[in-house]
Amino acid sequence: MPRGIGWTGRWGILPVVQRVDGGYRVNLGRIERQVLAQSFDELRSLLATKDPAARRLFPTAYVDQPELEAEFRGLVGDDLVRSQLEALDLVERTIDGSTVDRDELEAWMRAINSVRLVIGTRLDIGEEAFEVEPDDPDLPLYAVYDFLSSLLAVIVDVLAHDGR
């Protein structure tokens, strides 16, 4: 279980993602919910301003054909952004531990991964392992990235082992 993201129920620590009748429940503490809410607000702002930090969320479809790429963006760009915003909205509506179905848990996964990708882009995180120095000014951002990565891993694991 990732550090610091289970919350204590009446009978002990609840799993981060718990299978319940009718679906799943994501059990996050107050601080973790606040981190997600703030991260989602920042992502919404980046999406609204078309900030380059969000570029990894919308990979280029036609690398060597700028005309086709522009046409593609014109056709699907708004839908891609709308899909991102709908996933963020769903997480915020259910972040209190509401029961979600599989599709909604997949929306959780997309929303968390989107924020994680943007932070990873800002921090220039690649595939290789890295060490963060305790005096690094971006240490809090690395901590959020680590939290999101752990939460994402738990959701992926639950979905992978639950079958459809």
C-alpha atoms as a PDB file:
ATOM      1  CA  MET A   1       0.000   0.000   0.000  1.00  0.00           C
ATOM      2  CA  PRO A   2       1.372   3.453  -0.864  1.00  0.00           C
ATOM      3  CA  ARG A   3       2.540   5.517   2.070  1.00  0.00           C
ATOM      4  CA  GLY A   4       0.050   7.793   3.729  1.00  0.00           C
ATOM      5  CA  ILE A   5      -3.019   7.274   1.615  1.00  0.00           C
ATOM      6  CA  GLY A   6      -5.148   4.784   3.492  1.00  0.00           C
ATOM      7  CA  TRP A   7      -7.517   6.115   6.134  1.00  0.00           C
ATOM      8  CA  THR A   8      -8.450   4.607   9.398  1.00  0.00           C
ATOM      9  CA  GLY A   9     -11.969   3.302   9.722  1.00  0.00           C
ATOM     10  CA  ARG A  10     -13.690   1.963  12.784  1.00  0.00           C
ATOM     11  CA  TRP A  11     -12.007  -1.444  12.390  1.00  0.00           C
ATOM     12  CA  GLY A  12      -8.564  -0.443  11.159  1.00  0.00           C
ATOM     13  CA  ILE A  13      -6.926   0.849   8.012  1.00  0.00           C
ATOM     14  CA  LEU A  14      -9.118   0.695   4.936  1.00  0.00           C
ATOM     15  CA  PRO A  15      -7.546  -0.265   1.611  1.00  0.00           C
ATOM     16  CA  VAL A  16      -6.932   2.666  -0.713  1.00  0.00           C
ATOM     17  CA  VAL A  17      -9.274   1.175  -3.306  1.00  0.00           C
ATOM     18  CA  GLN A  18     -11.860  -1.086  -1.778  1.00  0.00           C
ATOM     19  CA  ARG A  19     -14.189  -3.459  -3.645  1.00  0.00           C
ATOM     20  CA  VAL A  20     -17.722  -2.892  -2.303  1.00  0.00           C
ATOM     21  CA  ASP A  21     -21.218  -3.942  -3.339  1.00  0.00           C
ATOM     22  CA  GLY A  22     -21.967  -2.083  -6.540  1.00  0.00           C
ATOM     23  CA  GLY A  23     -18.396  -1.157  -7.398  1.00  0.00           C
ATOM     24  CA  TYR A  24     -15.428   0.415  -5.693  1.00  0.00           C
ATOM     25  CA  ARG A  25     -14.674   2.990  -3.043  1.00  0.00           C
ATOM     26  CA  VAL A  26     -11.513   5.107  -3.072  1.00  0.00           C
ATOM     27  CA  ASN A  27     -10.514   5.791   0.535  1.00  0.00           C
ATOM     28  CA  LEU A  28      -8.425   8.943   0.801  1.00  0.00           C
ATOM     29  CA  GLY A  29      -7.639  11.074   3.794  1.00  0.00           C
ATOM     30  CA  ARG A  30      -8.325  14.792   4.044  1.00  0.00           C
ATOM     31  CA  ILE A  31      -4.819  15.825   2.975  1.00  0.00           C
ATOM     32  CA  GLU A  32      -4.799  13.505  -0.034  1.00  0.00           C
ATOM     33  CA  ARG A  33      -8.203  14.834  -1.136  1.00  0.00           C
ATOM     34  CA  GLN A  34      -6.883  18.401  -0.817  1.00  0.00           C
ATOM     35  CA  VAL A  35      -3.799  17.548  -2.896  1.00  0.00           C
ATOM     36  CA  LEU A  36      -6.008  16.103  -5.628  1.00  0.00           C
ATOM     37  CA  ALA A  37      -8.401  19.071  -5.565  1.00  0.00           C
ATOM     38  CA  GLN A  38      -5.550  21.568  -5.851  1.00  0.00           C
ATOM     39  CA  SER A  39      -3.861  19.534  -8.583  1.00  0.00           C
ATOM     40  CA  PHE A  40      -7.120  19.343 -10.528  1.00  0.00           C
ATOM     41  CA  ASP A  41      -7.637  23.109 -10.232  1.00  0.00           C
ATOM     42  CA  GLU A  42      -4.155  23.663 -11.639  1.00  0.00           C
ATOM     43  CA  LEU A  43      -4.789  21.229 -14.511  1.00  0.00           C
ATOM     44  CA  ARG A  44      -8.069  22.970 -15.354  1.00  0.00           C
ATOM     45  CA  SER A  45      -6.199  26.261 -15.561  1.00  0.00           C
ATOM     46  CA  LEU A  46      -3.555  24.742 -17.841  1.00  0.00           C
ATOM     47  CA  LEU A  47      -6.238  23.281 -20.104  1.00  0.00           C
ATOM     48  CA  ALA A  48      -8.143  26.581 -20.261  1.00  0.00           C
ATOM     49  CA  THR A  49      -5.036  28.533 -21.256  1.00  0.00           C
ATOM     50  CA  LYS A  50      -3.665  25.795 -23.551  1.00  0.00           C
ATOM     51  CA  ASP A  51      -0.474  25.868 -21.498  1.00  0.00           C
ATOM     52  CA  PRO A  52       2.393  23.908 -23.107  1.00  0.00           C
ATOM     53  CA  ALA A  53       2.845  22.001 -19.821  1.00  0.00           C
ATOM     54  CA  ALA A  54      -0.271  20.013 -20.791  1.00  0.00           C
ATOM     55  CA  ARG A  55       1.167  18.936 -24.169  1.00  0.00           C
ATOM     56  CA  ARG A  56       1.714  15.306 -23.074  1.00  0.00           C
ATOM     57  CA  LEU A  57      -2.030  14.941 -22.629  1.00  0.00           C
ATOM     58  CA  PHE A  58      -2.558  15.546 -26.346  1.00  0.00           C
ATOM     59  CA  PRO A  59       0.197  13.828 -28.326  1.00  0.00           C
ATOM     60  CA  THR A  60       0.721  14.784 -31.942  1.00  0.00           C
ATOM     61  CA  ALA A  61      -1.252  12.577 -34.324  1.00  0.00           C
ATOM     62  CA  TYR A  62       0.531  13.631 -37.532  1.00  0.00           C
ATOM     63  CA  VAL A  63       4.150  14.418 -36.724  1.00  0.00           C
ATOM     64  CA  ASP A  64       5.316  15.170 -40.266  1.00  0.00           C
ATOM     65  CA  GLN A  65       2.080  16.617 -41.649  1.00  0.00           C
ATOM     66  CA  PRO A  66       1.219  19.940 -40.000  1.00  0.00           C
ATOM     67  CA  GLU A  67      -1.886  20.459 -42.168  1.00  0.00           C
ATOM     68  CA  LEU A  68      -3.361  17.120 -41.096  1.00  0.00           C
ATOM     69  CA  GLU A  69      -2.376  17.774 -37.495  1.00  0.00           C
ATOM     70  CA  ALA A  70      -4.179  21.134 -37.548  1.00  0.00           C
ATOM     71  CA  GLU A  71      -7.263  19.503 -39.078  1.00  0.00           C
ATOM     72  CA  PHE A  72      -7.153  16.718 -36.481  1.00  0.00           C
ATOM     73  CA  ARG A  73      -6.881  19.245 -33.626  1.00  0.00           C
ATOM     74  CA  GLY A  74      -9.787  21.192 -35.080  1.00  0.00           C
ATOM     75  CA  LEU A  75     -11.938  18.066 -35.199  1.00  0.00           C
ATOM     76  CA  VAL A  76     -11.136  16.445 -31.858  1.00  0.00           C
ATOM     77  CA  GLY A  77      -9.315  19.032 -29.750  1.00  0.00           C
ATOM     78  CA  ASP A  78     -12.385  20.265 -27.878  1.00  0.00           C
ATOM     79  CA  ASP A  79     -13.586  16.697 -27.282  1.00  0.00           C
ATOM     80  CA  LEU A  80     -10.206  15.711 -25.830  1.00  0.00           C
ATOM     81  CA  VAL A  81     -10.264  18.649 -23.431  1.00  0.00           C
ATOM     82  CA  ARG A  82     -13.906  17.980 -22.520  1.00  0.00           C
ATOM     83  CA  SER A  83     -13.047  14.343 -21.762  1.00  0.00           C
ATOM     84  CA  GLN A  84     -10.227  15.470 -19.445  1.00  0.00           C
ATOM     85  CA  LEU A  85     -12.518  17.903 -17.629  1.00  0.00           C
ATOM     86  CA  GLU A  86     -15.296  15.314 -17.245  1.00  0.00           C
ATOM     87  CA  ALA A  87     -12.847  12.890 -15.605  1.00  0.00           C
ATOM     88  CA  LEU A  88     -11.693  15.616 -13.182  1.00  0.00           C
ATOM     89  CA  ASP A  89     -15.313  16.493 -12.363  1.00  0.00           C
ATOM     90  CA  LEU A  90     -16.193  12.859 -11.687  1.00  0.00           C
ATOM     91  CA  VAL A  91     -13.305  12.414  -9.274  1.00  0.00           C
ATOM     92  CA  GLU A  92     -14.274  15.550  -7.406  1.00  0.00           C
ATOM     93  CA  ARG A  93     -17.903  14.376  -7.137  1.00  0.00           C
ATOM     94  CA  THR A  94     -16.855  10.982  -5.742  1.00  0.00           C
ATOM     95  CA  ILE A  95     -13.717  11.863  -3.777  1.00  0.00           C
ATOM     96  CA  ASP A  96     -15.606  11.597  -0.489  1.00  0.00           C
ATOM     97  CA  GLY A  97     -15.599   7.802  -0.690  1.00  0.00           C
ATOM     98  CA  SER A  98     -18.724   7.449  -2.822  1.00  0.00           C
ATOM     99  CA  THR A  99     -19.171   4.133  -4.575  1.00  0.00           C
ATOM    100  CA  VAL A 100     -18.046   4.214  -8.209  1.00  0.00           C
ATOM    101  CA  ASP A 101     -18.460   1.643 -10.951  1.00  0.00           C
ATOM    102  CA  ARG A 102     -15.639   0.303 -13.116  1.00  0.00           C
ATOM    103  CA  ASP A 103     -16.002   3.004 -15.786  1.00  0.00           C
ATOM    104  CA  GLU A 104     -15.899   5.689 -13.103  1.00  0.00           C
ATOM    105  CA  LEU A 105     -12.807   4.133 -11.521  1.00  0.00           C
ATOM    106  CA  GLU A 106     -11.217   4.212 -14.972  1.00  0.00           C
ATOM    107  CA  ALA A 107     -12.070   7.938 -15.098  1.00  0.00           C
ATOM    108  CA  TRP A 108     -10.256   8.279 -11.749  1.00  0.00           C
ATOM    109  CA  MET A 109      -7.284   6.582 -13.373  1.00  0.00           C
ATOM    110  CA  ARG A 110      -7.353   8.961 -16.370  1.00  0.00           C
ATOM    111  CA  ALA A 111      -7.665  12.073 -14.199  1.00  0.00           C
ATOM    112  CA  ILE A 112      -4.835  11.069 -11.890  1.00  0.00           C
ATOM    113  CA  ASN A 113      -2.612  10.059 -14.782  1.00  0.00           C
ATOM    114  CA  SER A 114      -3.248  13.380 -16.538  1.00  0.00           C
ATOM    115  CA  VAL A 115      -2.073  15.380 -13.544  1.00  0.00           C
ATOM    116  CA  ARG A 116       0.863  13.008 -13.112  1.00  0.00           C
ATOM    117  CA  LEU A 117       1.894  13.450 -16.762  1.00  0.00           C
ATOM    118  CA  VAL A 118       1.786  17.240 -16.489  1.00  0.00           C
ATOM    119  CA  ILE A 119       3.880  17.206 -13.319  1.00  0.00           C
ATOM    120  CA  GLY A 120       6.290  14.720 -14.887  1.00  0.00           C
ATOM    121  CA  THR A 121       6.667  17.050 -17.878  1.00  0.00           C
ATOM    122  CA  ARG A 122       7.338  20.037 -15.616  1.00  0.00           C
ATOM    123  CA  LEU A 123       9.949  18.060 -13.684  1.00  0.00           C
ATOM    124  CA  ASP A 124      11.379  16.538 -16.877  1.00  0.00           C
ATOM    125  CA  ILE A 125      10.976  13.029 -15.486  1.00  0.00           C
ATOM    126  CA  GLY A 126      11.943  10.281 -17.913  1.00  0.00           C
ATOM    127  CA  GLU A 127      12.085   6.514 -17.776  1.00  0.00           C
ATOM    128  CA  GLU A 128      15.321   6.319 -15.803  1.00  0.00           C
ATOM    129  CA  ALA A 129      15.474   6.222 -12.017  1.00  0.00           C
ATOM    130  CA  PHE A 130      16.266   9.484 -10.273  1.00  0.00           C
ATOM    131  CA  GLU A 131      17.152  10.819  -6.837  1.00  0.00           C
ATOM    132  CA  VAL A 132      15.734  14.024  -5.407  1.00  0.00           C
ATOM    133  CA  GLU A 133      17.899  16.058  -3.096  1.00  0.00           C
ATOM    134  CA  PRO A 134      16.273  17.153   0.188  1.00  0.00           C
ATOM    135  CA  ASP A 135      17.002  20.812  -0.628  1.00  0.00           C
ATOM    136  CA  ASP A 136      15.564  20.639  -4.157  1.00  0.00           C
ATOM    137  CA  PRO A 137      13.068  23.510  -4.530  1.00  0.00           C
ATOM    138  CA  ASP A 138      10.763  21.135  -6.446  1.00  0.00           C
ATOM    139  CA  LEU A 139      10.671  18.578  -3.625  1.00  0.00           C
ATOM    140  CA  PRO A 140       6.945  19.204  -2.892  1.00  0.00           C
ATOM    141  CA  LEU A 141       6.127  18.664  -6.566  1.00  0.00           C
ATOM    142  CA  TYR A 142       8.119  15.421  -6.567  1.00  0.00           C
ATOM    143  CA  ALA A 143       6.133  14.345  -3.492  1.00  0.00           C
ATOM    144  CA  VAL A 144       2.837  14.977  -5.300  1.00  0.00           C
ATOM    145  CA  TYR A 145       4.159  13.067  -8.328  1.00  0.00           C
ATOM    146  CA  ASP A 146       5.080  10.153  -6.063  1.00  0.00           C
ATOM    147  CA  PHE A 147       1.663  10.194  -4.384  1.00  0.00           C
ATOM    148  CA  LEU A 148      -0.130  10.259  -7.754  1.00  0.00           C
ATOM    149  CA  SER A 149       2.073   7.459  -9.090  1.00  0.00           C
ATOM    150  CA  SER A 150       1.292   5.300  -6.058  1.00  0.00           C
ATOM    151  CA  LEU A 151      -2.436   5.981  -6.240  1.00  0.00           C
ATOM    152  CA  LEU A 152      -2.445   5.264  -9.967  1.00  0.00           C
ATOM    153  CA  ALA A 153      -0.601   1.978  -9.406  1.00  0.00           C
ATOM    154  CA  VAL A 154      -3.187   0.866  -6.835  1.00  0.00           C
ATOM    155  CA  ILE A 155      -6.089   1.668  -9.178  1.00  0.00           C
ATOM    156  CA  VAL A 156      -4.433  -0.094 -12.119  1.00  0.00           C
ATOM    157  CA  ASP A 157      -3.746  -3.128  -9.946  1.00  0.00           C
ATOM    158  CA  VAL A 158      -7.338  -3.306  -8.693  1.00  0.00           C
ATOM    159  CA  LEU A 159      -8.738  -2.973 -12.218  1.00  0.00           C
ATOM    160  CA  ALA A 160      -6.287  -5.522 -13.628  1.00  0.00           C
ATOM    161  CA  HIS A 161      -7.154  -8.126 -11.005  1.00  0.00           C
ATOM    162  CA  ASP A 162     -10.884  -7.555 -10.995  1.00  0.00           C
ATOM    163  CA  GLY A 163     -11.598  -8.495 -14.608  1.00  0.00           C
ATOM    164  CA  ARG A 164     -14.583  -7.296 -16.553  1.00  0.00           C
END
